[in-house]
């Protein structure tokens, strides 16, 4: 039982970490797009 509980906690931590990574990647893509748009408007 204790092992199952540990796995569940580990799984939750893994999912939250994955969400943070996805969020970071999405933010990075959005920032890159904004920079690209600003460069297009700049020229």
N, C-alpha and C. Protein backbone atom coordinates (compact mmCIF):
# COMPACT_ATOMS: atom_id res chain seq x y z
N UNK A 1 0.84 -1.20 0.00
CA UNK A 1 0.00 0.00 0.00
C UNK A 1 0.88 1.26 0.00
N UNK A 2 1.90 1.26 0.83
CA UNK A 2 2.78 2.42 0.93
C UNK A 2 3.48 2.67 -0.41
N UNK A 3 3.84 1.58 -1.07
CA UNK A 3 4.54 1.69 -2.36
C UNK A 3 3.61 2.34 -3.39
N UNK A 4 2.32 1.91 -3.38
CA UNK A 4 1.36 2.50 -4.32
C UNK A 4 1.20 3.99 -4.06
N UNK A 5 1.11 4.36 -2.78
CA UNK A 5 0.97 5.77 -2.42
C UNK A 5 2.18 6.56 -2.91
N UNK A 6 3.37 6.00 -2.77
CA UNK A 6 4.59 6.66 -3.22
C UNK A 6 4.57 6.85 -4.73
N UNK A 7 4.12 5.82 -5.46
CA UNK A 7 4.04 5.92 -6.91
C UNK A 7 3.06 7.01 -7.34
N UNK A 8 1.93 7.11 -6.62
CA UNK A 8 0.92 8.12 -6.94
C UNK A 8 1.51 9.52 -6.77
N UNK A 9 2.23 9.73 -5.67
CA UNK A 9 2.85 11.04 -5.42
C UNK A 9 3.87 11.34 -6.50
N UNK A 10 4.69 10.33 -6.83
CA UNK A 10 5.71 10.50 -7.87
C UNK A 10 5.06 10.86 -9.20
N UNK A 11 3.95 10.18 -9.50
CA UNK A 11 3.23 10.42 -10.75
C UNK A 11 2.70 11.86 -10.80
N UNK A 12 2.13 12.32 -9.67
CA UNK A 12 1.59 13.69 -9.61
C UNK A 12 2.73 14.70 -9.82
N UNK A 13 3.87 14.47 -9.15
CA UNK A 13 5.02 15.37 -9.29
C UNK A 13 5.51 15.37 -10.73
N UNK A 14 5.53 14.18 -11.36
CA UNK A 14 5.98 14.06 -12.75
C UNK A 14 5.05 14.84 -13.68
N UNK A 15 3.73 14.72 -13.45
CA UNK A 15 2.75 15.42 -14.28
C UNK A 15 2.89 16.93 -14.13
N UNK A 16 3.09 17.41 -12.90
CA UNK A 16 3.22 18.85 -12.67
C UNK A 16 4.50 19.36 -13.33
N UNK A 17 5.57 18.54 -13.27
CA UNK A 17 6.83 18.91 -13.91
C UNK A 17 6.63 18.99 -15.42
N UNK A 18 5.92 18.00 -15.98
CA UNK A 18 5.65 18.00 -17.42
C UNK A 18 4.84 19.22 -17.82
N UNK A 19 3.86 19.59 -16.98
CA UNK A 19 3.04 20.77 -17.27
C UNK A 19 3.91 22.03 -17.27
N UNK A 20 4.84 22.12 -16.32
CA UNK A 20 5.72 23.28 -16.25
C UNK A 20 6.59 23.36 -17.50
N UNK A 21 7.10 22.21 -17.95
CA UNK A 21 7.94 22.17 -19.15
C UNK A 21 7.13 22.60 -20.36
N UNK A 22 5.91 22.06 -20.51
CA UNK A 22 5.05 22.43 -21.64
C UNK A 22 4.73 23.91 -21.61
N UNK A 23 4.42 24.42 -20.41
CA UNK A 23 4.10 25.84 -20.26
C UNK A 23 5.30 26.68 -20.66
N UNK A 24 6.49 26.27 -20.23
CA UNK A 24 7.72 26.99 -20.56
C UNK A 24 7.95 27.00 -22.07
N UNK A 25 7.75 25.82 -22.71
CA UNK A 25 7.93 25.73 -24.16
C UNK A 25 6.94 26.62 -24.89
N UNK A 26 5.68 26.60 -24.45
CA UNK A 26 4.64 27.44 -25.08
C UNK A 26 5.00 28.91 -24.94
N UNK A 27 5.44 29.31 -23.75
CA UNK A 27 5.83 30.71 -23.53
C UNK A 27 6.99 31.08 -24.42
N UNK A 28 7.95 30.16 -24.57
CA UNK A 28 9.12 30.42 -25.40
C UNK A 28 8.70 30.61 -26.86
N UNK A 29 7.77 29.78 -27.34
CA UNK A 29 7.28 29.88 -28.72
C UNK A 29 6.56 31.21 -28.91
N UNK A 30 5.72 31.59 -27.96
CA UNK A 30 4.98 32.85 -28.05
C UNK A 30 5.95 34.03 -28.06
N UNK A 31 6.95 33.99 -27.19
CA UNK A 31 7.94 35.07 -27.12
C UNK A 31 8.70 35.17 -28.44
N UNK A 32 9.09 34.02 -29.01
CA UNK A 32 9.78 34.02 -30.29
C UNK A 32 8.90 34.63 -31.38
N UNK A 33 7.61 34.28 -31.40
CA UNK A 33 6.67 34.82 -32.39
C UNK A 33 6.56 36.33 -32.23
N UNK A 34 6.46 36.81 -30.99
CA UNK A 34 6.34 38.24 -30.73
C UNK A 34 7.60 38.96 -31.21
N UNK A 35 8.76 38.40 -30.92
CA UNK A 35 10.02 39.00 -31.37
C UNK A 35 10.05 39.06 -32.90
N UNK A 36 9.59 37.98 -33.54
CA UNK A 36 9.56 37.92 -35.00
C UNK A 36 8.63 39.00 -35.56
N UNK A 37 7.45 39.12 -34.96
CA UNK A 37 6.49 40.14 -35.39
C UNK A 37 7.07 41.54 -35.21
N UNK A 38 7.72 41.77 -34.07
CA UNK A 38 8.31 43.09 -33.80
C UNK A 38 9.39 43.39 -34.84
N UNK A 39 10.18 42.38 -35.21
CA UNK A 39 11.22 42.58 -36.23
C UNK A 39 10.57 42.92 -37.57
N UNK A 40 9.48 42.24 -37.92
CA UNK A 40 8.78 42.51 -39.18
C UNK A 40 8.25 43.95 -39.19
N UNK A 41 7.67 44.39 -38.08
CA UNK A 41 7.14 45.75 -38.01
C UNK A 41 8.27 46.77 -37.99
N UNK A 42 9.40 46.38 -37.40
CA UNK A 42 10.53 47.30 -37.26
C UNK A 42 11.10 47.67 -38.63
N UNK A 43 11.14 46.69 -39.55
CA UNK A 43 11.73 46.96 -40.87
C UNK A 43 10.74 47.59 -41.83
